[in-house]
Protein backbone atom coordinates (compact mmCIF):
# COMPACT_ATOMS: atom_id res chain seq x y z
CA MET A 1 -5.16 13.56 -118.72
CA MET A 2 -8.00 11.63 -120.33
CA HIS A 3 -11.49 11.93 -118.91
CA ASN A 4 -14.66 10.14 -119.88
CA ASN A 5 -15.45 12.12 -123.01
CA GLU A 6 -17.84 10.09 -125.13
CA PRO A 7 -19.27 13.14 -126.98
CA LEU A 8 -15.79 14.09 -128.17
CA ALA A 9 -15.06 10.48 -129.18
CA ASP A 10 -18.34 10.40 -131.13
CA GLU A 11 -17.44 13.68 -132.88
CA LEU A 12 -14.01 12.31 -133.73
CA SER A 13 -15.47 9.08 -135.10
CA GLU A 14 -17.91 10.95 -137.33
CA PHE A 15 -15.23 13.35 -138.49
CA VAL A 16 -12.88 10.49 -139.43
CA HIS A 17 -15.61 8.83 -141.50
CA HIS A 18 -16.37 12.01 -143.47
CA TYR A 19 -12.68 12.87 -143.76
CA CYS A 20 -11.96 9.59 -145.59
CA GLU A 21 -15.06 9.89 -147.80
CA ASN A 22 -14.36 13.53 -148.73
CA SER A 23 -13.67 13.86 -152.45
CA SER A 24 -10.28 15.48 -151.80
CA ASN A 25 -9.16 12.58 -149.59
CA LYS A 26 -10.96 9.51 -150.91
CA GLU A 27 -8.38 8.52 -153.54
CA ARG A 28 -5.53 9.01 -151.07
CA TYR A 29 -7.38 6.86 -148.54
CA GLU A 30 -7.86 4.09 -151.10
CA ASN A 31 -4.15 4.24 -151.99
CA PHE A 32 -3.29 4.08 -148.30
CA VAL A 33 -5.29 0.86 -147.88
CA LYS A 34 -3.65 -0.65 -150.99
CA ARG A 35 -0.27 -0.29 -149.28
CA PHE A 36 -1.21 -3.27 -147.13
CA ASN A 37 -2.31 -5.61 -149.92
CA GLY A 38 -0.23 -8.76 -150.09
CA GLU A 39 1.33 -8.32 -146.65
CA GLU A 40 0.59 -10.83 -143.90
CA THR A 41 1.66 -8.80 -140.89
CA ILE A 42 -0.85 -8.24 -138.08
CA LEU A 43 -0.92 -4.54 -139.01
CA ALA A 44 -1.70 -5.23 -142.68
CA ARG A 45 -4.29 -7.92 -141.96
CA SER A 46 -5.99 -5.75 -139.32
CA ILE A 47 -6.35 -2.84 -141.73
CA ARG A 48 -7.59 -5.05 -144.58
CA GLU A 49 -10.17 -6.75 -142.39
CA ASN A 50 -11.45 -3.65 -140.60
CA THR A 51 -12.58 -0.67 -142.69
CA GLU A 52 -13.17 1.55 -139.67
CA LEU A 53 -9.69 0.80 -138.32
CA ALA A 54 -8.29 1.62 -141.78
CA ARG A 55 -10.09 4.98 -141.72
CA ALA A 56 -8.85 5.80 -138.23
CA SER A 57 -5.31 4.80 -139.24
CA PHE A 58 -5.42 6.98 -142.35
CA TYR A 59 -6.59 9.98 -140.33
CA LEU A 60 -3.95 9.28 -137.67
CA MET A 61 -1.25 9.27 -140.36
CA ASP A 62 -2.44 12.60 -141.82
CA TRP A 63 -2.69 14.14 -138.36
CA ALA A 64 0.80 12.95 -137.42
CA ASN A 65 2.33 14.25 -140.65
CA HIS A 66 0.72 17.63 -140.07
CA VAL A 67 1.84 17.79 -136.44
CA GLY A 68 5.38 16.84 -137.46
CA GLY A 69 8.13 14.96 -135.68
CA LEU A 70 7.99 11.68 -137.60
CA ASN A 71 11.33 10.58 -139.05
CA GLU A 72 13.23 7.50 -140.17
CA ARG A 73 13.75 6.40 -136.55
CA PHE A 74 10.11 6.76 -135.50
CA GLY A 75 7.98 6.91 -138.62
CA GLU A 76 4.52 6.12 -139.96
CA GLU A 77 4.96 2.35 -139.76
CA HIS A 78 5.97 2.56 -136.10
CA LEU A 79 3.03 4.84 -135.29
CA LEU A 80 0.45 2.68 -137.08
CA SER A 81 1.86 -0.52 -135.54
CA LEU A 82 1.70 1.09 -132.10
CA PHE A 83 -1.90 2.16 -132.78
CA VAL A 84 -2.88 -1.46 -133.45
CA ILE A 85 -0.91 -2.80 -130.46
CA PHE A 86 -2.58 -0.19 -128.25
CA GLY A 87 -5.98 -1.19 -129.63
CA LEU A 88 -5.25 -4.84 -128.79
CA GLY A 89 -4.61 -3.83 -125.18
CA GLU A 90 -0.96 -4.88 -125.35
CA VAL A 91 0.68 -1.57 -124.40
CA ARG A 92 1.64 -1.43 -120.75
CA THR A 93 0.48 1.85 -119.23
CA ARG A 94 -0.07 3.20 -115.74
CA LYS A 95 -3.77 3.42 -116.43
CA MET A 96 -6.17 0.53 -116.85
CA ARG A 97 -5.59 -1.03 -120.26
CA ARG A 98 -8.56 -1.18 -122.59
CA ARG A 99 -9.03 -3.47 -125.56
CA PHE A 100 -10.59 -1.89 -128.63
CA LEU A 101 -9.66 -4.52 -131.25
CA GLN A 102 -9.49 -8.25 -131.77
CA LYS A 103 -6.57 -9.86 -133.56
CA PRO A 104 -7.24 -10.46 -137.28
CA ALA A 105 -8.90 -13.79 -137.93
CA GLY A 106 -9.57 -13.76 -141.68
CA ASP A 107 -13.06 -12.26 -141.61
CA LEU A 108 -14.32 -8.70 -142.03
CA ARG A 109 -15.27 -6.90 -138.86
CA GLY A 110 -16.33 -3.48 -137.64
CA HIS A 111 -14.79 -1.05 -135.18
CA PRO A 112 -17.67 0.81 -133.51
CA SER A 113 -15.33 2.30 -130.89
CA LYS A 114 -12.81 3.79 -133.32
CA GLY A 115 -13.36 7.31 -131.96
CA VAL A 116 -12.62 6.20 -128.40
CA HIS A 117 -9.65 4.12 -129.57
CA LEU A 118 -8.21 7.10 -131.46
CA LEU A 119 -8.85 9.58 -128.66
CA TYR A 120 -7.27 7.39 -125.97
CA PHE A 121 -4.32 6.66 -128.24
CA ILE A 122 -3.63 10.33 -128.98
CA ASP A 123 -3.94 10.99 -125.25
CA TYR A 124 -1.33 8.30 -124.56
CA ILE A 125 1.23 9.32 -127.21
CA SER A 126 0.97 12.92 -125.98
CA SER A 127 1.68 11.94 -122.38
CA ASN A 128 4.85 12.28 -120.33
CA GLU A 129 4.56 8.55 -119.59
CA PHE A 130 4.98 7.78 -123.29
CA ARG A 131 7.80 10.30 -123.77
CA MET A 132 9.78 8.84 -120.85
CA ARG A 133 9.49 5.17 -121.80
CA PRO A 134 12.94 3.55 -121.98
CA THR A 135 11.91 1.28 -124.86
CA LEU A 136 9.08 0.59 -127.30
CA SER A 137 8.43 -3.03 -128.26
CA PHE A 138 6.69 -4.06 -131.48
CA SER A 139 6.93 -7.81 -130.83
CA GLU A 140 3.13 -8.18 -130.85
CA VAL A 141 3.11 -7.26 -134.56
CA GLY A 142 6.31 -9.07 -135.50
CA GLY A 143 8.67 -6.13 -135.06
CA GLY A 144 11.58 -5.34 -132.79
CA VAL A 145 12.39 -2.77 -130.13
CA LEU A 146 13.11 0.96 -130.31
CA MET A 147 15.33 2.58 -127.68
CA ARG A 148 16.78 5.97 -126.73
CA GLY A 149 13.48 7.83 -126.85
CA GLU A 150 13.36 8.16 -130.62
CA TRP A 151 9.65 9.01 -130.32
CA ARG A 152 10.01 11.94 -127.87
CA THR A 153 10.17 14.74 -130.43
CA PHE A 154 6.95 13.53 -132.05
CA SER A 155 5.24 13.19 -128.66
CA GLU A 156 6.17 16.73 -127.67
CA MET A 157 4.77 18.09 -130.93
CA ALA A 158 1.61 16.01 -130.55
CA LEU A 159 0.84 17.37 -127.08
CA LYS A 160 -0.15 20.87 -128.20
CA SER A 161 -2.46 19.46 -130.87
CA TYR A 162 -4.05 17.06 -128.40
CA LEU A 163 -4.76 19.82 -125.88
CA SER A 164 -6.42 21.85 -128.63
CA LEU A 165 -8.60 18.83 -129.49
CA VAL A 166 -9.74 18.29 -125.89
CA ILE A 167 -10.30 21.95 -125.04
CA SER A 168 -11.83 23.30 -128.25
CA HIS A 169 -12.97 20.10 -130.07
CA ARG A 170 -10.96 21.35 -133.05
CA LEU A 171 -8.93 18.83 -134.99
CA ASP A 172 -5.46 20.09 -135.81
CA LEU A 173 -5.26 19.64 -139.57
CA PRO A 174 -4.28 22.13 -142.29
CA SER A 175 -6.98 24.64 -143.16
CA GLU A 176 -8.11 25.01 -146.74
CA GLY A 177 -6.90 28.62 -146.69
CA SER A 178 -3.29 27.49 -146.29
CA SER A 179 -3.42 24.81 -148.98
CA ASP A 180 -1.62 26.90 -151.63
CA ALA A 181 1.45 27.61 -149.50
CA LEU A 182 4.59 25.62 -150.30
CA ARG A 183 5.86 23.52 -147.40
CA GLU A 184 8.94 21.47 -146.77
CA TRP A 185 8.17 17.80 -146.10
CA GLU A 186 9.96 16.29 -143.13
CA PRO A 187 12.47 13.83 -144.66
CA ARG A 188 11.58 10.19 -144.10
CA ALA A 189 12.87 6.76 -144.96
CA MET A 190 11.49 4.70 -147.86
CA GLN A 191 12.19 1.02 -148.50
CA LEU A 192 12.82 -0.15 -152.07
CA PRO A 193 14.09 -3.35 -153.71
CA GLY A 194 17.88 -3.45 -153.83
CA THR A 195 18.01 -3.49 -157.63
CA VAL A 196 15.89 -0.33 -157.78
CA VAL A 197 18.15 1.49 -155.32
CA GLU A 198 21.18 0.41 -157.33
CA GLU A 199 19.92 1.12 -160.83
CA SER A 200 16.75 3.23 -160.96
CA LEU A 201 16.68 5.91 -158.25
CA GLY A 202 16.31 8.65 -160.83
CA ASP A 203 13.25 6.94 -162.28
CA VAL A 204 11.71 6.59 -158.80
CA ARG A 205 12.33 10.26 -158.05
CA ASP A 206 10.76 11.33 -161.35
CA ALA A 207 7.75 9.05 -160.83
CA LEU A 208 7.12 10.40 -157.30
CA ALA A 209 7.42 13.96 -158.57
CA LYS A 210 5.02 13.29 -161.46
CA VAL A 211 2.32 11.57 -159.39
CA SER A 212 2.43 14.12 -156.55
CA GLY A 213 3.47 17.39 -158.21
CA CYS A 214 6.17 17.91 -155.55
CA GLN A 215 9.84 18.68 -155.96
CA VAL A 216 11.40 15.43 -154.76
CA LYS A 217 14.94 14.47 -153.73
CA LEU A 218 16.17 10.98 -152.81
CA ARG A 219 19.28 10.19 -150.78
CA ARG A 220 20.58 6.63 -150.54
CA ILE A 221 21.16 5.25 -147.02
CA ASN A 222 21.90 1.58 -147.74
CA ASP A 223 21.09 -1.14 -150.26
CA GLU A 224 17.32 -0.98 -149.62
CA VAL A 225 16.56 2.36 -147.91
CA VAL A 226 16.54 5.92 -149.21
CA ILE A 227 15.60 9.22 -147.56
CA VAL A 228 12.85 11.12 -149.36
CA SER A 229 12.66 14.90 -149.01
CA ALA A 230 10.23 17.15 -150.85
CA ILE A 231 8.69 20.59 -151.23
CA GLY A 232 5.09 21.07 -152.29
CA LYS A 233 1.59 22.19 -151.39
CA ILE A 234 -0.33 20.43 -148.62
CA ASP A 235 -2.45 18.32 -150.97
CA GLN A 236 0.62 17.39 -153.03
CA LEU A 237 2.55 16.31 -149.93
CA ARG A 238 -0.41 14.21 -148.79
CA VAL A 239 -0.44 12.43 -152.15
CA LEU A 240 3.30 11.84 -151.90
CA SER A 241 2.92 10.30 -148.42
CA THR A 242 0.68 7.55 -149.81
CA PHE A 243 3.48 6.38 -152.13
CA VAL A 244 6.36 6.46 -149.66
CA TYR A 245 6.58 3.02 -148.06
CA PRO A 246 8.63 3.17 -144.83
CA PRO A 247 10.85 0.30 -143.69
CA ALA A 248 9.25 -2.21 -141.34
CA PRO A 249 9.96 -1.64 -137.63
CA ARG A 250 13.42 -2.89 -136.74
CA ARG A 251 13.69 -6.44 -135.45
């Protein structure tokens, strides 16, 4: 589906930069980056060392949450990990693999091709090839393997948005005119320390509600994972998403 479309990639790159610097998004972007402080995974190190990759990842997360289809089986952490693996040229595809990133090496670096990286990645995750994969491996970033097509619903929902991007150069994100409407947040998994799950879930729920302004519900799954569901305005749900830390990809 992808053609050589450098003008569109350039537009996307410029849009991502301004999107992260916009006053309504800047604090959320900074909180997103802070999520990866203290972690030594390839994903966390890559985002800390590469500001442009961090911006592209933040936009990708917002876009994916707007499109819908993410869940506890294929969530934000899986999508961002796959974005990095794809950028490293480690995803096997029918097309010629391209390398957009270098593995983190402890020094700051740029990502001049972030628009192309993002465009090719959205093209791939919207493709029938991606939907029909029997498995998804995250071994390159220290994760495990997903099976049974747990990513297919997201891919199907992403396709319509991707076609709109290619045909009209419009990025499928909520319009300002719809920002006051209440929306139901797709429930997703959140990892917490075991003692917090056991003793302080009410406090966590109240804190998430206070910082985001959403109506929040938590449902315990096991000793370290809860399901977060919420209702709120678009901006409130975006704030909430920066505080919900999903479990690491399964090993």
